[in-house]
Amino acid sequence: WREGPWTSSLLTVVNITLDRARLRHQYHHLNWDQYKNRHRHQY
């Protein structure tokens, strides 16, 4: 929306539980060295 010269944006991210579960899984189940080498470009 706009107010005078200002433009504002509100971004809502839903379904945070999915991310929480995925991060927990990555954190607990992946060896860090493998993770770093295999996924560096993705993350």
All heavy atoms as atom14 arrays in JSON, in Angstrom:
{
  "sequence": "WREGPWTSSLLTVVNITLDRARLRHQYHHLNWDQYKNRHRHQY",
  "atom14_mask": [
    [1, 1, 1, 1, 1, 1, 1, 1, 1, 1, 1, 1, 1, 1],
    [1, 1, 1, 1, 1, 1, 1, 1, 1, 1, 1, 0, 0, 0],
    [1, 1, 1, 1, 1, 1, 1, 1, 1, 0, 0, 0, 0, 0],
    [1, 1, 1, 1, 0, 0, 0, 0, 0, 0, 0, 0, 0, 0],
    [1, 1, 1, 1, 1, 1, 1, 0, 0, 0, 0, 0, 0, 0],
    [1, 1, 1, 1, 1, 1, 1, 1, 1, 1, 1, 1, 1, 1],
    [1, 1, 1, 1, 1, 1, 1, 0, 0, 0, 0, 0, 0, 0],
    [1, 1, 1, 1, 1, 1, 0, 0, 0, 0, 0, 0, 0, 0],
    [1, 1, 1, 1, 1, 1, 0, 0, 0, 0, 0, 0, 0, 0],
    [1, 1, 1, 1, 1, 1, 1, 1, 0, 0, 0, 0, 0, 0],
    [1, 1, 1, 1, 1, 1, 1, 1, 0, 0, 0, 0, 0, 0],
    [1, 1, 1, 1, 1, 1, 1, 0, 0, 0, 0, 0, 0, 0],
    [1, 1, 1, 1, 1, 1, 1, 0, 0, 0, 0, 0, 0, 0],
    [1, 1, 1, 1, 1, 1, 1, 0, 0, 0, 0, 0, 0, 0],
    [1, 1, 1, 1, 1, 1, 1, 1, 0, 0, 0, 0, 0, 0],
    [1, 1, 1, 1, 1, 1, 1, 1, 0, 0, 0, 0, 0, 0],
    [1, 1, 1, 1, 1, 1, 1, 0, 0, 0, 0, 0, 0, 0],
    [1, 1, 1, 1, 1, 1, 1, 1, 0, 0, 0, 0, 0, 0],
    [1, 1, 1, 1, 1, 1, 1, 1, 0, 0, 0, 0, 0, 0],
    [1, 1, 1, 1, 1, 1, 1, 1, 1, 1, 1, 0, 0, 0],
    [1, 1, 1, 1, 1, 0, 0, 0, 0, 0, 0, 0, 0, 0],
    [1, 1, 1, 1, 1, 1, 1, 1, 1, 1, 1, 0, 0, 0],
    [1, 1, 1, 1, 1, 1, 1, 1, 0, 0, 0, 0, 0, 0],
    [1, 1, 1, 1, 1, 1, 1, 1, 1, 1, 1, 0, 0, 0],
    [1, 1, 1, 1, 1, 1, 1, 1, 1, 1, 0, 0, 0, 0],
    [1, 1, 1, 1, 1, 1, 1, 1, 1, 0, 0, 0, 0, 0],
    [1, 1, 1, 1, 1, 1, 1, 1, 1, 1, 1, 1, 0, 0],
    [1, 1, 1, 1, 1, 1, 1, 1, 1, 1, 0, 0, 0, 0],
    [1, 1, 1, 1, 1, 1, 1, 1, 1, 1, 0, 0, 0, 0],
    [1, 1, 1, 1, 1, 1, 1, 1, 0, 0, 0, 0, 0, 0],
    [1, 1, 1, 1, 1, 1, 1, 1, 0, 0, 0, 0, 0, 0],
    [1, 1, 1, 1, 1, 1, 1, 1, 1, 1, 1, 1, 1, 1],
    [1, 1, 1, 1, 1, 1, 1, 1, 0, 0, 0, 0, 0, 0],
    [1, 1, 1, 1, 1, 1, 1, 1, 1, 0, 0, 0, 0, 0],
    [1, 1, 1, 1, 1, 1, 1, 1, 1, 1, 1, 1, 0, 0],
    [1, 1, 1, 1, 1, 1, 1, 1, 1, 0, 0, 0, 0, 0],
    [1, 1, 1, 1, 1, 1, 1, 1, 0, 0, 0, 0, 0, 0],
    [1, 1, 1, 1, 1, 1, 1, 1, 1, 1, 1, 0, 0, 0],
    [1, 1, 1, 1, 1, 1, 1, 1, 1, 1, 0, 0, 0, 0],
    [1, 1, 1, 1, 1, 1, 1, 1, 1, 1, 1, 0, 0, 0],
    [1, 1, 1, 1, 1, 1, 1, 1, 1, 1, 0, 0, 0, 0],
    [1, 1, 1, 1, 1, 1, 1, 1, 1, 0, 0, 0, 0, 0],
    [1, 1, 1, 1, 1, 1, 1, 1, 1, 1, 1, 1, 0, 0]
  ],
  "atom14_positions": [
    [[0.84, -1.2, 0.0], [0.0, 0.0, 0.0], [0.87, 1.25, 0.0], [2.07, 1.18, 0.25], [-0.95, 0.01, 1.2], [-0.29, 0.17, 2.53], [-0.17, 1.33, 3.25], [0.32, -0.85, 3.33], [0.49, 1.09, 4.44], [0.8, -0.23, 4.51], [0.51, -2.24, 3.17], [1.45, -0.94, 5.52], [1.18, -2.94, 4.16], [1.64, -2.29, 5.32]],
    [[0.25, 2.38, -0.3], [0.96, 3.66, -0.36], [0.37, 4.65, 0.61], [-0.84, 4.71, 0.8], [0.86, 4.24, -1.77], [1.71, 3.46, -2.75], [2.09, 4.29, -3.96], [3.02, 3.5, -4.77], [3.41, 3.84, -5.99], [2.98, 4.94, -6.54], [4.24, 3.06, -6.65], [0.0, 0.0, 0.0], [0.0, 0.0, 0.0], [0.0, 0.0, 0.0]],
    [[1.27, 5.44, 1.21], [0.87, 6.57, 2.06], [1.77, 7.72, 1.67], [2.95, 7.73, 2.03], [1.06, 6.23, 3.54], [0.24, 5.06, 4.04], [0.74, 4.55, 5.38], [1.79, 3.87, 5.4], [0.11, 4.85, 6.4], [0.0, 0.0, 0.0], [0.0, 0.0, 0.0], [0.0, 0.0, 0.0], [0.0, 0.0, 0.0], [0.0, 0.0, 0.0]],
    [[1.23, 8.68, 0.94], [2.06, 9.79, 0.49], [3.23, 9.27, -0.33], [3.04, 8.46, -1.24], [0.0, 0.0, 0.0], [0.0, 0.0, 0.0], [0.0, 0.0, 0.0], [0.0, 0.0, 0.0], [0.0, 0.0, 0.0], [0.0, 0.0, 0.0], [0.0, 0.0, 0.0], [0.0, 0.0, 0.0], [0.0, 0.0, 0.0], [0.0, 0.0, 0.0]],
    [[4.46, 9.71, 0.0], [5.63, 9.26, -0.78], [6.06, 7.85, -0.42], [6.94, 7.28, -1.08], [6.72, 10.27, -0.39], [6.36, 10.7, 0.99], [4.85, 10.68, 1.05], [0.0, 0.0, 0.0], [0.0, 0.0, 0.0], [0.0, 0.0, 0.0], [0.0, 0.0, 0.0], [0.0, 0.0, 0.0], [0.0, 0.0, 0.0], [0.0, 0.0, 0.0]],
    [[5.49, 7.28, 0.61], [5.95, 5.97, 1.09], [5.17, 4.83, 0.45], [3.96, 4.89, 0.31], [5.77, 5.86, 2.61], [6.71, 6.71, 3.38], [6.49, 7.98, 3.85], [8.03, 6.37, 3.76], [7.6, 8.44, 4.5], [8.56, 7.48, 4.47], [8.84, 5.24, 3.58], [9.85, 7.48, 4.99], [10.13, 5.25, 4.11], [10.62, 6.37, 4.8]],
    [[5.89, 3.79, 0.06], [5.27, 2.53, -0.33], [5.66, 1.5, 0.73], [6.83, 1.41, 1.1], [5.77, 2.05, -1.7], [5.48, 3.06, -2.67], [5.09, 0.76, -2.12], [0.0, 0.0, 0.0], [0.0, 0.0, 0.0], [0.0, 0.0, 0.0], [0.0, 0.0, 0.0], [0.0, 0.0, 0.0], [0.0, 0.0, 0.0], [0.0, 0.0, 0.0]],
    [[4.68, 0.75, 1.24], [4.92, -0.26, 2.26], [4.53, -1.63, 1.75], [3.62, -1.75, 0.93], [4.11, 0.05, 3.53], [4.5, 1.28, 4.08], [0.0, 0.0, 0.0], [0.0, 0.0, 0.0], [0.0, 0.0, 0.0], [0.0, 0.0, 0.0], [0.0, 0.0, 0.0], [0.0, 0.0, 0.0], [0.0, 0.0, 0.0], [0.0, 0.0, 0.0]],
    [[5.22, -2.63, 2.24], [4.88, -4.0, 1.88], [4.96, -4.86, 3.13], [5.88, -4.73, 3.94], [5.84, -4.55, 0.82], [5.54, -5.91, 0.57], [0.0, 0.0, 0.0], [0.0, 0.0, 0.0], [0.0, 0.0, 0.0], [0.0, 0.0, 0.0], [0.0, 0.0, 0.0], [0.0, 0.0, 0.0], [0.0, 0.0, 0.0], [0.0, 0.0, 0.0]],
    [[3.96, -5.72, 3.28], [3.94, -6.67, 4.38], [3.91, -8.06, 3.77], [2.97, -8.4, 3.03], [2.7, -6.43, 5.24], [2.51, -7.34, 6.45], [3.63, -7.12, 7.47], [1.15, -7.08, 7.09], [0.0, 0.0, 0.0], [0.0, 0.0, 0.0], [0.0, 0.0, 0.0], [0.0, 0.0, 0.0], [0.0, 0.0, 0.0], [0.0, 0.0, 0.0]],
    [[4.95, -8.84, 4.02], [5.02, -10.2, 3.48], [4.74, -11.17, 4.62], [5.44, -11.17, 5.63], [6.41, -10.48, 2.9], [6.6, -11.87, 2.28], [5.8, -12.0, 0.99], [8.07, -12.16, 2.03], [0.0, 0.0, 0.0], [0.0, 0.0, 0.0], [0.0, 0.0, 0.0], [0.0, 0.0, 0.0], [0.0, 0.0, 0.0], [0.0, 0.0, 0.0]],
    [[3.72, -11.99, 4.44], [3.38, -13.0, 5.44], [3.85, -14.36, 4.94], [3.52, -14.75, 3.81], [1.87, -13.03, 5.71], [1.45, -11.73, 6.11], [1.52, -14.03, 6.81], [0.0, 0.0, 0.0], [0.0, 0.0, 0.0], [0.0, 0.0, 0.0], [0.0, 0.0, 0.0], [0.0, 0.0, 0.0], [0.0, 0.0, 0.0], [0.0, 0.0, 0.0]],
    [[4.63, -15.05, 5.75], [5.11, -16.39, 5.44], [4.3, -17.36, 6.29], [4.28, -17.22, 7.52], [6.61, -16.54, 5.76], [7.12, -17.92, 5.37], [7.42, -15.45, 5.06], [0.0, 0.0, 0.0], [0.0, 0.0, 0.0], [0.0, 0.0, 0.0], [0.0, 0.0, 0.0], [0.0, 0.0, 0.0], [0.0, 0.0, 0.0], [0.0, 0.0, 0.0]],
    [[3.63, -18.3, 5.65], [2.78, -19.22, 6.4], [3.42, -20.59, 6.5], [4.4, -20.9, 5.83], [1.37, -19.32, 5.77], [0.71, -17.95, 5.72], [1.44, -19.92, 4.38], [0.0, 0.0, 0.0], [0.0, 0.0, 0.0], [0.0, 0.0, 0.0], [0.0, 0.0, 0.0], [0.0, 0.0, 0.0], [0.0, 0.0, 0.0], [0.0, 0.0, 0.0]],
    [[2.84, -21.41, 7.38], [3.26, -22.8, 7.53], [4.71, -22.93, 7.98], [5.48, -23.7, 7.43], [3.05, -23.56, 6.21], [2.69, -25.01, 6.47], [2.85, -25.49, 7.6], [2.24, -25.7, 5.45], [0.0, 0.0, 0.0], [0.0, 0.0, 0.0], [0.0, 0.0, 0.0], [0.0, 0.0, 0.0], [0.0, 0.0, 0.0], [0.0, 0.0, 0.0]],
    [[5.07, -22.17, 9.01], [6.43, -22.19, 9.55], [6.79, -23.57, 10.11], [7.95, -23.97, 10.12], [6.58, -21.13, 10.67], [6.32, -19.74, 10.11], [7.93, -21.21, 11.33], [7.39, -19.2, 9.21], [0.0, 0.0, 0.0], [0.0, 0.0, 0.0], [0.0, 0.0, 0.0], [0.0, 0.0, 0.0], [0.0, 0.0, 0.0], [0.0, 0.0, 0.0]],
    [[5.79, -24.34, 10.54], [6.06, -25.66, 11.11], [6.84, -26.54, 10.14], [7.73, -27.29, 10.55], [4.74, -26.37, 11.46], [3.97, -25.49, 12.27], [5.01, -27.64, 12.24], [0.0, 0.0, 0.0], [0.0, 0.0, 0.0], [0.0, 0.0, 0.0], [0.0, 0.0, 0.0], [0.0, 0.0, 0.0], [0.0, 0.0, 0.0], [0.0, 0.0, 0.0]],
    [[6.52, -26.44, 8.85], [7.26, -27.22, 7.84], [8.74, -26.91, 7.89], [9.58, -27.81, 7.87], [6.74, -26.87, 6.44], [5.5, -27.58, 5.94], [5.18, -27.12, 4.54], [5.75, -29.09, 5.96], [0.0, 0.0, 0.0], [0.0, 0.0, 0.0], [0.0, 0.0, 0.0], [0.0, 0.0, 0.0], [0.0, 0.0, 0.0], [0.0, 0.0, 0.0]],
    [[9.06, -25.62, 7.93], [10.48, -25.23, 7.98], [11.14, -25.71, 9.26], [12.27, -26.2, 9.24], [10.6, -23.71, 7.9], [10.22, -23.18, 6.54], [10.96, -23.47, 5.6], [9.19, -22.5, 6.43], [0.0, 0.0, 0.0], [0.0, 0.0, 0.0], [0.0, 0.0, 0.0], [0.0, 0.0, 0.0], [0.0, 0.0, 0.0], [0.0, 0.0, 0.0]],
    [[10.42, -25.56, 10.35], [10.97, -25.98, 11.63], [11.35, -27.45, 11.59], [12.43, -27.85, 11.99], [9.92, -25.73, 12.72], [10.48, -25.07, 13.93], [9.43, -24.88, 15.0], [9.35, -23.47, 15.33], [8.31, -22.71, 15.08], [7.25, -23.2, 14.49], [8.33, -21.44, 15.42], [0.0, 0.0, 0.0], [0.0, 0.0, 0.0], [0.0, 0.0, 0.0]],
    [[10.42, -28.27, 11.06], [10.66, -29.71, 11.0], [11.82, -30.02, 10.06], [12.67, -30.86, 10.37], [9.39, -30.42, 10.54], [0.0, 0.0, 0.0], [0.0, 0.0, 0.0], [0.0, 0.0, 0.0], [0.0, 0.0, 0.0], [0.0, 0.0, 0.0], [0.0, 0.0, 0.0], [0.0, 0.0, 0.0], [0.0, 0.0, 0.0], [0.0, 0.0, 0.0]],
    [[11.87, -29.33, 8.91], [12.93, -29.61, 7.95], [14.3, -29.23, 8.52], [15.27, -29.96, 8.38], [12.67, -28.84, 6.65], [13.53, -29.28, 5.5], [13.4, -28.33, 4.34], [14.0, -27.05, 4.67], [13.41, -25.87, 4.45], [12.25, -25.82, 3.9], [14.01, -24.76, 4.78], [0.0, 0.0, 0.0], [0.0, 0.0, 0.0], [0.0, 0.0, 0.0]],
    [[14.35, -28.07, 9.18], [15.63, -27.64, 9.75], [16.08, -28.58, 10.84], [17.26, -28.92, 10.94], [15.49, -26.22, 10.31], [15.35, -25.12, 9.24], [14.97, -23.81, 9.89], [16.65, -24.97, 8.48], [0.0, 0.0, 0.0], [0.0, 0.0, 0.0], [0.0, 0.0, 0.0], [0.0, 0.0, 0.0], [0.0, 0.0, 0.0], [0.0, 0.0, 0.0]],
    [[15.14, -29.02, 11.66], [15.49, -29.94, 12.73], [16.05, -31.23, 12.13], [17.04, -31.76, 12.6], [14.23, -30.21, 13.56], [14.52, -30.71, 14.96], [13.25, -30.69, 15.79], [12.93, -29.34, 16.26], [11.71, -28.8, 16.21], [10.71, -29.48, 15.69], [11.5, -27.59, 16.67], [0.0, 0.0, 0.0], [0.0, 0.0, 0.0], [0.0, 0.0, 0.0]],
    [[15.42, -31.69, 11.06], [15.86, -32.92, 10.41], [17.27, -32.74, 9.84], [18.15, -33.56, 10.06], [14.88, -33.27, 9.29], [15.29, -34.49, 8.51], [15.01, -35.75, 8.96], [15.95, -34.62, 7.34], [15.5, -36.63, 8.08], [16.07, -35.97, 7.09], [0.0, 0.0, 0.0], [0.0, 0.0, 0.0], [0.0, 0.0, 0.0], [0.0, 0.0, 0.0]],
    [[17.52, -31.64, 9.14], [18.84, -31.4, 8.56], [19.89, -31.31, 9.65], [20.97, -31.86, 9.56], [18.84, -30.09, 7.77], [18.13, -30.19, 6.44], [18.03, -28.85, 5.75], [18.39, -27.82, 6.33], [17.55, -28.84, 4.53], [0.0, 0.0, 0.0], [0.0, 0.0, 0.0], [0.0, 0.0, 0.0], [0.0, 0.0, 0.0], [0.0, 0.0, 0.0]],
    [[19.53, -30.6, 10.7], [20.49, -30.34, 11.77], [20.89, -31.64, 12.46], [22.04, -31.88, 12.73], [19.85, -29.38, 12.76], [20.73, -29.05, 13.94], [21.86, -28.27, 13.78], [20.4, -29.5, 15.21], [22.66, -27.95, 14.86], [21.19, -29.18, 16.3], [22.32, -28.4, 16.13], [23.1, -28.08, 17.2], [0.0, 0.0, 0.0], [0.0, 0.0, 0.0]],
    [[19.92, -32.49, 12.71], [20.21, -33.7, 13.48], [20.74, -34.85, 12.64], [21.47, -35.69, 13.13], [18.96, -34.17, 14.23], [18.6, -33.28, 15.37], [19.49, -32.98, 16.38], [17.47, -32.6, 15.65], [18.91, -32.16, 17.24], [17.68, -31.91, 16.82], [0.0, 0.0, 0.0], [0.0, 0.0, 0.0], [0.0, 0.0, 0.0], [0.0, 0.0, 0.0]],
    [[20.36, -34.91, 11.36], [20.62, -36.13, 10.6], [21.71, -36.02, 9.55], [22.08, -37.02, 8.97], [19.33, -36.61, 9.94], [18.28, -36.98, 10.94], [18.31, -38.14, 11.68], [17.17, -36.32, 11.34], [17.27, -38.18, 12.49], [16.56, -37.09, 12.3], [0.0, 0.0, 0.0], [0.0, 0.0, 0.0], [0.0, 0.0, 0.0], [0.0, 0.0, 0.0]],
    [[22.17, -34.83, 9.28], [23.21, -34.72, 8.24], [24.56, -34.45, 8.87], [24.69, -33.65, 9.78], [22.87, -33.58, 7.27], [21.72, -33.87, 6.31], [21.39, -32.61, 5.53], [22.09, -34.97, 5.35], [0.0, 0.0, 0.0], [0.0, 0.0, 0.0], [0.0, 0.0, 0.0], [0.0, 0.0, 0.0], [0.0, 0.0, 0.0], [0.0, 0.0, 0.0]],
    [[25.54, -35.16, 8.34], [26.91, -34.88, 8.75], [27.29, -33.51, 8.19], [27.09, -33.23, 7.02], [27.81, -35.97, 8.18], [29.28, -35.64, 8.34], [29.81, -34.83, 7.59], [29.91, -36.27, 9.29], [0.0, 0.0, 0.0], [0.0, 0.0, 0.0], [0.0, 0.0, 0.0], [0.0, 0.0, 0.0], [0.0, 0.0, 0.0], [0.0, 0.0, 0.0]],
    [[27.85, -32.65, 9.02], [28.08, -31.25, 8.61], [29.02, -31.14, 7.42], [28.78, -30.39, 6.5], [28.6, -30.46, 9.79], [29.15, -29.1, 9.45], [30.33, -28.58, 9.84], [28.51, -28.05, 8.69], [30.47, -27.29, 9.37], [29.38, -26.96, 8.65], [27.29, -27.96, 8.01], [29.07, -25.77, 7.97], [26.99, -26.78, 7.33], [27.88, -25.7, 7.32]],
    [[30.09, -31.94, 7.38], [31.03, -31.82, 6.26], [30.39, -32.21, 4.94], [30.53, -31.53, 3.94], [32.26, -32.7, 6.51], [33.19, -32.06, 7.52], [33.33, -30.82, 7.5], [33.74, -32.8, 8.35], [0.0, 0.0, 0.0], [0.0, 0.0, 0.0], [0.0, 0.0, 0.0], [0.0, 0.0, 0.0], [0.0, 0.0, 0.0], [0.0, 0.0, 0.0]],
    [[29.64, -33.3, 4.96], [28.93, -33.73, 3.75], [27.94, -32.65, 3.34], [27.81, -32.3, 2.19], [28.15, -35.01, 4.02], [29.0, -36.24, 4.02], [28.13, -37.47, 4.27], [26.99, -37.35, 4.71], [28.67, -38.63, 4.01], [0.0, 0.0, 0.0], [0.0, 0.0, 0.0], [0.0, 0.0, 0.0], [0.0, 0.0, 0.0], [0.0, 0.0, 0.0]],
    [[27.22, -32.16, 4.32], [26.2, -31.15, 4.06], [26.82, -29.93, 3.39], [26.34, -29.43, 2.39], [25.57, -30.75, 5.39], [24.49, -29.72, 5.27], [23.18, -30.09, 5.04], [24.79, -28.36, 5.4], [22.19, -29.14, 4.92], [23.79, -27.42, 5.28], [22.5, -27.81, 5.04], [21.52, -26.87, 4.93], [0.0, 0.0, 0.0], [0.0, 0.0, 0.0]],
    [[27.93, -29.49, 3.96], [28.57, -28.27, 3.46], [29.01, -28.46, 2.0], [28.78, -27.6, 1.16], [29.76, -27.91, 4.34], [30.36, -26.56, 4.02], [31.27, -26.09, 5.13], [32.43, -27.04, 5.37], [33.38, -26.51, 6.36], [0.0, 0.0, 0.0], [0.0, 0.0, 0.0], [0.0, 0.0, 0.0], [0.0, 0.0, 0.0], [0.0, 0.0, 0.0]],
    [[29.62, -29.62, 1.73], [30.15, -29.83, 0.38], [29.05, -30.09, -0.64], [29.1, -29.61, -1.75], [31.13, -31.0, 0.38], [32.37, -30.66, 1.18], [32.73, -29.49, 1.27], [32.99, -31.65, 1.78], [0.0, 0.0, 0.0], [0.0, 0.0, 0.0], [0.0, 0.0, 0.0], [0.0, 0.0, 0.0], [0.0, 0.0, 0.0], [0.0, 0.0, 0.0]],
    [[28.04, -30.84, -0.23], [27.03, -31.24, -1.19], [26.04, -30.1, -1.47], [25.51, -29.99, -2.56], [26.26, -32.45, -0.66], [25.43, -33.11, -1.74], [24.67, -34.33, -1.26], [25.18, -34.9, -0.04], [24.41, -35.3, 0.94], [23.1, -35.16, 0.87], [24.93, -35.83, 2.01], [0.0, 0.0, 0.0], [0.0, 0.0, 0.0], [0.0, 0.0, 0.0]],
    [[25.8, -29.27, -0.49], [24.7, -28.32, -0.62], [25.15, -26.87, -0.61], [24.31, -25.99, -0.58], [23.69, -28.52, 0.51], [22.96, -29.81, 0.42], [22.08, -30.09, -0.6], [22.98, -30.9, 1.22], [21.59, -31.3, -0.41], [22.11, -31.82, 0.66], [0.0, 0.0, 0.0], [0.0, 0.0, 0.0], [0.0, 0.0, 0.0], [0.0, 0.0, 0.0]],
    [[26.44, -26.63, -0.65], [26.9, -25.24, -0.5], [26.2, -24.31, -1.48], [25.71, -23.26, -1.13], [28.41, -25.16, -0.67], [28.93, -23.75, -0.46], [30.39, -23.65, -0.8], [31.2, -24.43, 0.12], [32.14, -25.27, -0.27], [32.37, -25.47, -1.55], [32.85, -25.92, 0.62], [0.0, 0.0, 0.0], [0.0, 0.0, 0.0], [0.0, 0.0, 0.0]],
    [[26.12, -24.74, -2.77], [25.56, -23.85, -3.78], [24.07, -23.61, -3.57], [23.55, -22.57, -3.92], [25.8, -24.43, -5.16], [25.17, -25.78, -5.36], [25.7, -26.91, -4.79], [24.06, -26.16, -6.02], [24.94, -27.95, -5.11], [23.93, -27.52, -5.86], [0.0, 0.0, 0.0], [0.0, 0.0, 0.0], [0.0, 0.0, 0.0], [0.0, 0.0, 0.0]],
    [[23.37, -24.57, -2.98], [21.93, -24.4, -2.8], [21.62, -23.43, -1.67], [20.57, -22.8, -1.66], [21.29, -25.74, -2.44], [21.0, -26.61, -3.65], [20.41, -27.91, -3.18], [21.09, -28.73, -2.59], [19.13, -28.1, -3.42], [0.0, 0.0, 0.0], [0.0, 0.0, 0.0], [0.0, 0.0, 0.0], [0.0, 0.0, 0.0], [0.0, 0.0, 0.0]],
    [[22.48, -23.34, -0.71], [22.16, -22.58, 0.5], [23.1, -21.41, 0.7], [23.43, -21.05, 1.8], [22.21, -23.5, 1.72], [21.11, -24.52, 1.69], [21.37, -25.84, 1.38], [19.79, -24.14, 1.91], [20.35, -26.77, 1.32], [18.77, -25.07, 1.85], [19.05, -26.38, 1.56], [18.05, -27.29, 1.5], [0.0, 0.0, 0.0], [0.0, 0.0, 0.0]]
  ]
}
